Amino acid sequence: METSLTVELTLDEVCEIAELPTEVLITIVEEGVIEPSGDSPNEWCFDCYMLSIAKRASRLHRDFDIDWIGIPLYLDMIDELEKLRSENKLLKQQLGRFLLD
């Protein structure tokens, strides 16, 4: 039996958990960094992944003074870098096994 647990969070809950002002989270959504379901801020539903992205976006903006409009590009580059590092690690492990044989 396969089960999937999805947590839905409101705007206020995300702001509280991520320690973000409401205006900042609204900006993150308006700039397309995350796309909650719902038509207006009062109806928005976020999942845990969006919470994580919002926190990461806020840190990038704060720590590196990156404009909100550029945040999605930086997030994409970070994700790609993490994928490449993971792939590189796997390939090194495979190569190591090949060389030991």
N, C-alpha and C. Protein backbone atom coordinates (compact mmCIF):
# COMPACT_ATOMS: atom_id res chain seq x y z
N MET A 1 0.84 -1.19 0.00
CA MET A 1 0.00 0.00 0.00
C MET A 1 0.88 1.24 0.00
N GLU A 2 0.66 2.09 -0.97
CA GLU A 2 1.46 3.30 -1.09
C GLU A 2 0.67 4.47 -0.53
N THR A 3 1.29 5.20 0.38
CA THR A 3 0.63 6.38 0.94
C THR A 3 1.52 7.59 0.72
N SER A 4 0.88 8.70 0.63
CA SER A 4 1.60 9.95 0.42
C SER A 4 1.03 10.99 1.36
N LEU A 5 1.89 11.62 2.12
CA LEU A 5 1.45 12.64 3.06
C LEU A 5 1.79 14.01 2.49
N THR A 6 0.79 14.80 2.27
CA THR A 6 1.00 16.16 1.77
C THR A 6 0.52 17.13 2.83
N VAL A 7 1.39 18.04 3.18
CA VAL A 7 1.04 19.05 4.17
C VAL A 7 0.75 20.34 3.43
N GLU A 8 -0.38 20.93 3.74
CA GLU A 8 -0.73 22.22 3.14
C GLU A 8 -0.67 23.29 4.22
N LEU A 9 0.03 24.35 3.90
CA LEU A 9 0.24 25.44 4.84
C LEU A 9 -0.37 26.72 4.29
N THR A 10 -0.86 27.56 5.20
CA THR A 10 -1.42 28.86 4.82
C THR A 10 -0.29 29.89 4.74
N LEU A 11 -0.62 31.03 4.23
CA LEU A 11 0.32 32.15 4.17
C LEU A 11 0.87 32.46 5.55
N ASP A 12 -0.02 32.58 6.54
CA ASP A 12 0.42 32.91 7.90
C ASP A 12 1.31 31.82 8.49
N GLU A 13 1.00 30.55 8.22
CA GLU A 13 1.81 29.46 8.74
C GLU A 13 3.20 29.46 8.13
N VAL A 14 3.29 29.69 6.84
CA VAL A 14 4.60 29.74 6.18
C VAL A 14 5.41 30.91 6.73
N CYS A 15 4.77 32.05 6.87
CA CYS A 15 5.48 33.21 7.41
C CYS A 15 6.00 32.95 8.81
N GLU A 16 5.20 32.29 9.63
CA GLU A 16 5.61 32.00 11.00
C GLU A 16 6.75 30.99 11.03
N ILE A 17 6.61 29.90 10.29
CA ILE A 17 7.63 28.86 10.29
C ILE A 17 8.94 29.36 9.70
N ALA A 18 8.85 30.09 8.60
CA ALA A 18 10.05 30.59 7.90
C ALA A 18 10.58 31.88 8.50
N GLU A 19 9.83 32.43 9.44
CA GLU A 19 10.20 33.71 10.06
C GLU A 19 10.37 34.81 9.01
N LEU A 20 9.35 34.90 8.14
CA LEU A 20 9.34 35.89 7.07
C LEU A 20 8.18 36.85 7.28
N PRO A 21 8.40 38.13 7.02
CA PRO A 21 7.27 39.05 7.00
C PRO A 21 6.32 38.69 5.85
N THR A 22 5.05 38.94 6.05
CA THR A 22 4.04 38.63 5.03
C THR A 22 4.38 39.27 3.70
N GLU A 23 4.85 40.51 3.73
CA GLU A 23 5.17 41.24 2.50
C GLU A 23 6.27 40.52 1.71
N VAL A 24 7.22 39.93 2.42
CA VAL A 24 8.31 39.23 1.75
C VAL A 24 7.79 37.98 1.05
N LEU A 25 6.95 37.22 1.74
CA LEU A 25 6.40 36.01 1.12
C LEU A 25 5.53 36.36 -0.08
N ILE A 26 4.77 37.42 0.03
CA ILE A 26 3.94 37.85 -1.11
C ILE A 26 4.84 38.23 -2.29
N THR A 27 5.94 38.90 -2.02
CA THR A 27 6.90 39.26 -3.07
C THR A 27 7.49 38.01 -3.71
N ILE A 28 7.83 37.02 -2.89
CA ILE A 28 8.38 35.77 -3.41
C ILE A 28 7.39 35.11 -4.37
N VAL A 29 6.12 35.14 -4.02
CA VAL A 29 5.09 34.56 -4.89
C VAL A 29 4.91 35.42 -6.14
N GLU A 30 4.83 36.73 -5.98
CA GLU A 30 4.63 37.62 -7.12
C GLU A 30 5.77 37.54 -8.13
N GLU A 31 6.98 37.26 -7.67
CA GLU A 31 8.13 37.15 -8.57
C GLU A 31 8.25 35.77 -9.19
N GLY A 32 7.32 34.87 -8.85
CA GLY A 32 7.30 33.55 -9.46
C GLY A 32 8.28 32.56 -8.89
N VAL A 33 8.82 32.86 -7.72
CA VAL A 33 9.76 31.94 -7.09
C VAL A 33 9.04 30.66 -6.67
N ILE A 34 7.85 30.81 -6.11
CA ILE A 34 6.99 29.68 -5.77
C ILE A 34 5.59 30.00 -6.25
N GLU A 35 4.80 28.96 -6.48
CA GLU A 35 3.45 29.14 -7.00
C GLU A 35 2.46 28.35 -6.15
N PRO A 36 1.94 28.99 -5.11
CA PRO A 36 0.96 28.29 -4.27
C PRO A 36 -0.37 28.13 -5.02
N SER A 37 -1.16 27.17 -4.56
CA SER A 37 -2.50 27.06 -5.12
C SER A 37 -3.38 28.10 -4.45
N GLY A 38 -4.44 28.50 -5.12
CA GLY A 38 -5.33 29.53 -4.59
C GLY A 38 -5.18 30.81 -5.38
N ASP A 39 -6.25 31.61 -5.37
CA ASP A 39 -6.28 32.82 -6.19
C ASP A 39 -5.77 34.08 -5.50
N SER A 40 -5.86 34.12 -4.18
CA SER A 40 -5.45 35.32 -3.46
C SER A 40 -4.66 34.91 -2.22
N PRO A 41 -3.92 35.83 -1.63
CA PRO A 41 -3.12 35.48 -0.45
C PRO A 41 -3.92 34.77 0.66
N ASN A 42 -5.15 35.16 0.85
CA ASN A 42 -5.97 34.51 1.88
C ASN A 42 -6.32 33.08 1.53
N GLU A 43 -6.24 32.71 0.25
CA GLU A 43 -6.59 31.36 -0.21
C GLU A 43 -5.36 30.51 -0.53
N TRP A 44 -4.19 31.10 -0.54
CA TRP A 44 -2.99 30.38 -0.93
C TRP A 44 -2.73 29.18 -0.03
N CYS A 45 -2.30 28.08 -0.65
CA CYS A 45 -1.86 26.87 0.06
C CYS A 45 -0.46 26.54 -0.41
N PHE A 46 0.41 26.32 0.53
CA PHE A 46 1.80 26.01 0.26
C PHE A 46 2.10 24.60 0.74
N ASP A 47 3.06 23.93 0.10
CA ASP A 47 3.52 22.63 0.61
C ASP A 47 4.89 22.82 1.24
N CYS A 48 5.42 21.74 1.80
CA CYS A 48 6.70 21.82 2.51
C CYS A 48 7.85 22.20 1.58
N TYR A 49 7.78 21.75 0.33
CA TYR A 49 8.83 22.11 -0.63
C TYR A 49 8.84 23.62 -0.87
N MET A 50 7.65 24.21 -1.01
CA MET A 50 7.57 25.66 -1.21
C MET A 50 8.09 26.41 0.00
N LEU A 51 7.85 25.87 1.19
CA LEU A 51 8.37 26.47 2.41
C LEU A 51 9.89 26.50 2.36
N SER A 52 10.49 25.39 1.97
CA SER A 52 11.94 25.30 1.86
C SER A 52 12.48 26.29 0.84
N ILE A 53 11.83 26.40 -0.31
CA ILE A 53 12.26 27.33 -1.36
C ILE A 53 12.13 28.77 -0.88
N ALA A 54 11.05 29.08 -0.18
CA ALA A 54 10.86 30.44 0.33
C ALA A 54 11.97 30.82 1.30
N LYS A 55 12.33 29.89 2.17
CA LYS A 55 13.41 30.16 3.12
C LYS A 55 14.74 30.36 2.40
N ARG A 56 14.99 29.52 1.41
CA ARG A 56 16.24 29.64 0.65
C ARG A 56 16.27 30.95 -0.13
N ALA A 57 15.16 31.31 -0.75
CA ALA A 57 15.08 32.57 -1.51
C ALA A 57 15.32 33.77 -0.60
N SER A 58 14.73 33.73 0.57
CA SER A 58 14.90 34.82 1.52
C SER A 58 16.36 34.97 1.94
N ARG A 59 17.02 33.84 2.17
CA ARG A 59 18.45 33.89 2.54
C ARG A 59 19.30 34.45 1.40
N LEU A 60 19.03 34.03 0.17
CA LEU A 60 19.78 34.56 -0.97
C LEU A 60 19.61 36.07 -1.09
N HIS A 61 18.37 36.52 -0.94
CA HIS A 61 18.08 37.95 -1.03
C HIS A 61 18.79 38.72 0.08
N ARG A 62 18.70 38.19 1.29
CA ARG A 62 19.29 38.87 2.46
C ARG A 62 20.81 38.81 2.46
N ASP A 63 21.37 37.61 2.27
CA ASP A 63 22.81 37.43 2.43
C ASP A 63 23.63 37.95 1.26
N PHE A 64 23.06 37.89 0.05
CA PHE A 64 23.82 38.29 -1.14
C PHE A 64 23.23 39.48 -1.86
N ASP A 65 22.18 40.06 -1.27
CA ASP A 65 21.53 41.26 -1.83
C ASP A 65 21.13 41.06 -3.29
N ILE A 66 20.56 39.88 -3.57
CA ILE A 66 20.11 39.56 -4.92
C ILE A 66 18.69 40.08 -5.08
N ASP A 67 18.42 40.75 -6.20
CA ASP A 67 17.07 41.23 -6.47
C ASP A 67 16.11 40.05 -6.57
N TRP A 68 14.87 40.27 -6.15
CA TRP A 68 13.88 39.20 -6.16
C TRP A 68 13.68 38.62 -7.56
N ILE A 69 13.78 39.45 -8.57
CA ILE A 69 13.55 38.98 -9.93
C ILE A 69 14.62 37.97 -10.37
N GLY A 70 15.82 38.04 -9.78
CA GLY A 70 16.90 37.13 -10.13
C GLY A 70 16.94 35.86 -9.30
N ILE A 71 16.16 35.81 -8.24
CA ILE A 71 16.19 34.66 -7.33
C ILE A 71 15.87 33.34 -8.03
N PRO A 72 14.82 33.27 -8.88
CA PRO A 72 14.56 31.97 -9.55
C PRO A 72 15.76 31.44 -10.34
N LEU A 73 16.49 32.32 -11.00
CA LEU A 73 17.67 31.90 -11.75
C LEU A 73 18.73 31.33 -10.81
N TYR A 74 18.98 32.01 -9.70
CA TYR A 74 19.96 31.52 -8.73
C TYR A 74 19.53 30.18 -8.15
N LEU A 75 18.25 30.03 -7.84
CA LEU A 75 17.75 28.77 -7.31
C LEU A 75 17.93 27.64 -8.32
N ASP A 76 17.66 27.92 -9.59
CA ASP A 76 17.86 26.92 -10.64
C ASP A 76 19.33 26.53 -10.75
N MET A 77 20.21 27.52 -10.67
CA MET A 77 21.65 27.23 -10.76
C MET A 77 22.11 26.40 -9.56
N ILE A 78 21.61 26.70 -8.38
CA ILE A 78 21.97 25.93 -7.18
C ILE A 78 21.48 24.50 -7.31
N ASP A 79 20.24 24.32 -7.78
CA ASP A 79 19.70 22.97 -7.98
C ASP A 79 20.55 22.20 -8.98
N GLU A 80 20.91 22.84 -10.07
CA GLU A 80 21.73 22.18 -11.09
C GLU A 80 23.10 21.81 -10.53
N LEU A 81 23.69 22.69 -9.75
CA LEU A 81 24.99 22.41 -9.13
C LEU A 81 24.88 21.21 -8.19
N GLU A 82 23.81 21.14 -7.39
CA GLU A 82 23.62 20.01 -6.49
C GLU A 82 23.45 18.71 -7.26
N LYS A 83 22.71 18.74 -8.37
CA LYS A 83 22.53 17.55 -9.20
C LYS A 83 23.87 17.10 -9.79
N LEU A 84 24.65 18.06 -10.29
CA LEU A 84 25.94 17.73 -10.88
C LEU A 84 26.89 17.15 -9.84
N ARG A 85 26.88 17.70 -8.64
CA ARG A 85 27.74 17.17 -7.57
C ARG A 85 27.33 15.75 -7.22
N SER A 86 26.03 15.52 -7.14
CA SER A 86 25.54 14.17 -6.83
C SER A 86 25.93 13.18 -7.93
N GLU A 87 25.74 13.58 -9.17
CA GLU A 87 26.11 12.73 -10.30
C GLU A 87 27.61 12.48 -10.32
N ASN A 88 28.39 13.49 -10.05
CA ASN A 88 29.85 13.36 -10.03
C ASN A 88 30.28 12.37 -8.94
N LYS A 89 29.64 12.45 -7.78
CA LYS A 89 29.96 11.54 -6.69
C LYS A 89 29.65 10.09 -7.09
N LEU A 90 28.49 9.90 -7.70
CA LEU A 90 28.10 8.56 -8.16
C LEU A 90 29.08 8.02 -9.20
N LEU A 91 29.44 8.87 -10.15
CA LEU A 91 30.39 8.44 -11.19
C LEU A 91 31.76 8.10 -10.61
N LYS A 92 32.19 8.87 -9.62
CA LYS A 92 33.48 8.56 -8.97
C LYS A 92 33.41 7.22 -8.25
N GLN A 93 32.27 6.93 -7.61
CA GLN A 93 32.11 5.64 -6.94
C GLN A 93 32.15 4.50 -7.95
N GLN A 94 31.45 4.69 -9.07
CA GLN A 94 31.44 3.66 -10.10
C GLN A 94 32.83 3.47 -10.70
N LEU A 95 33.54 4.55 -10.93
CA LEU A 95 34.89 4.47 -11.47
C LEU A 95 35.81 3.78 -10.49
N GLY A 96 35.67 4.09 -9.22
CA GLY A 96 36.50 3.46 -8.20
C GLY A 96 36.30 1.96 -8.17
N ARG A 97 35.07 1.50 -8.29
CA ARG A 97 34.79 0.06 -8.33
C ARG A 97 35.38 -0.57 -9.58
N PHE A 98 35.30 0.13 -10.70
CA PHE A 98 35.83 -0.37 -11.96
C PHE A 98 37.35 -0.53 -11.89
N LEU A 99 38.01 0.45 -11.28
CA LEU A 99 39.48 0.42 -11.20
C LEU A 99 39.97 -0.65 -10.24
N LEU A 100 39.16 -1.00 -9.24
CA LEU A 100 39.55 -2.01 -8.26
C LEU A 100 39.41 -3.42 -8.80
N ASP A 101 38.58 -3.60 -9.83
CA ASP A 101 38.35 -4.94 -10.39
C ASP A 101 39.52 -5.44 -11.17
